[in-house]
Amino acid sequence: MAKQKTKSAISKDPVVKELEAIKRLLMLSLLKEGVKQKVIAYALQMDQADVSDMMPVREIKKALSK
């Protein structure tokens, strides 16, 4: 039986890190365009709480308004 990778082992994978960075950039671009977090979560097939954890909307909107 093959061992399952733990979340900490997976997050060390450079490919996974790169894909997560790309996902964050996509989410940032969508937020900047005014797309709601709920829609972003649906489009990326993610739970809205996960989107919120990755991209705290209030902080991002505050930074973008500067």
Protein backbone atom coordinates (compact mmCIF):
# COMPACT_ATOMS: atom_id res chain seq x y z
CA MET A 1 0.00 0.00 0.00
CA ALA A 2 1.43 3.40 -0.99
CA LYS A 3 1.89 6.03 1.66
CA GLN A 4 -0.34 9.08 1.42
CA LYS A 5 1.39 12.43 1.48
CA THR A 6 0.49 14.64 4.39
CA LYS A 7 -0.52 18.24 3.79
CA SER A 8 2.85 19.44 5.09
CA ALA A 9 4.69 17.13 2.70
CA ILE A 10 2.58 18.26 -0.24
CA SER A 11 3.08 21.95 0.52
CA LYS A 12 6.87 21.50 0.23
CA ASP A 13 6.50 20.35 -3.37
CA PRO A 14 7.72 23.23 -5.60
CA VAL A 15 5.14 22.44 -8.29
CA VAL A 16 2.30 22.68 -5.77
CA LYS A 17 3.70 25.94 -4.41
CA GLU A 18 3.85 27.36 -7.94
CA LEU A 19 0.28 26.32 -8.69
CA GLU A 20 -0.92 27.88 -5.43
CA ALA A 21 0.86 31.12 -6.34
CA ILE A 22 -0.82 31.12 -9.76
CA LYS A 23 -4.20 30.53 -8.12
CA ARG A 24 -3.60 33.46 -5.74
CA LEU A 25 -2.71 35.75 -8.66
CA LEU A 26 -5.87 34.74 -10.49
CA MET A 27 -7.93 35.37 -7.39
CA LEU A 28 -6.30 38.77 -6.85
CA SER A 29 -7.01 39.76 -10.43
CA LEU A 30 -10.65 38.73 -10.11
CA LEU A 31 -11.06 40.57 -6.81
CA LYS A 32 -9.54 43.68 -8.35
CA GLU A 33 -12.15 43.49 -11.12
CA GLY A 34 -14.89 43.38 -8.49
CA VAL A 35 -15.81 39.70 -8.73
CA LYS A 36 -17.34 38.48 -5.47
CA GLN A 37 -15.50 35.96 -3.35
CA LYS A 38 -18.42 33.51 -3.61
CA VAL A 39 -18.17 33.54 -7.41
CA ILE A 40 -14.40 33.05 -7.31
CA ALA A 41 -14.81 30.06 -4.99
CA TYR A 42 -17.39 28.54 -7.33
CA ALA A 43 -15.25 29.10 -10.43
CA LEU A 44 -12.18 27.54 -8.81
CA GLN A 45 -14.25 24.72 -7.31
CA MET A 46 -13.14 25.69 -3.83
CA ASP A 47 -14.94 26.21 -0.58
CA GLN A 48 -15.55 29.89 0.09
CA ALA A 49 -13.80 29.55 3.47
CA ASP A 50 -10.65 28.33 1.68
CA VAL A 51 -10.74 31.34 -0.62
CA SER A 52 -11.12 33.57 2.41
CA ASP A 53 -8.16 31.90 4.11
CA MET A 54 -5.96 32.32 1.04
CA MET A 55 -7.03 35.87 0.22
CA PRO A 56 -8.40 38.03 3.04
CA VAL A 57 -10.65 40.26 0.93
CA ARG A 58 -10.79 43.23 3.29
CA GLU A 59 -7.01 43.50 3.45
CA ILE A 60 -6.66 43.12 -0.30
CA LYS A 61 -9.31 45.72 -1.11
CA LYS A 62 -7.68 48.10 1.33
CA ALA A 63 -4.29 47.57 -0.31
CA LEU A 64 -5.72 47.94 -3.82
CA SER A 65 -7.42 51.22 -2.96
CA LYS A 66 -4.11 52.87 -2.12
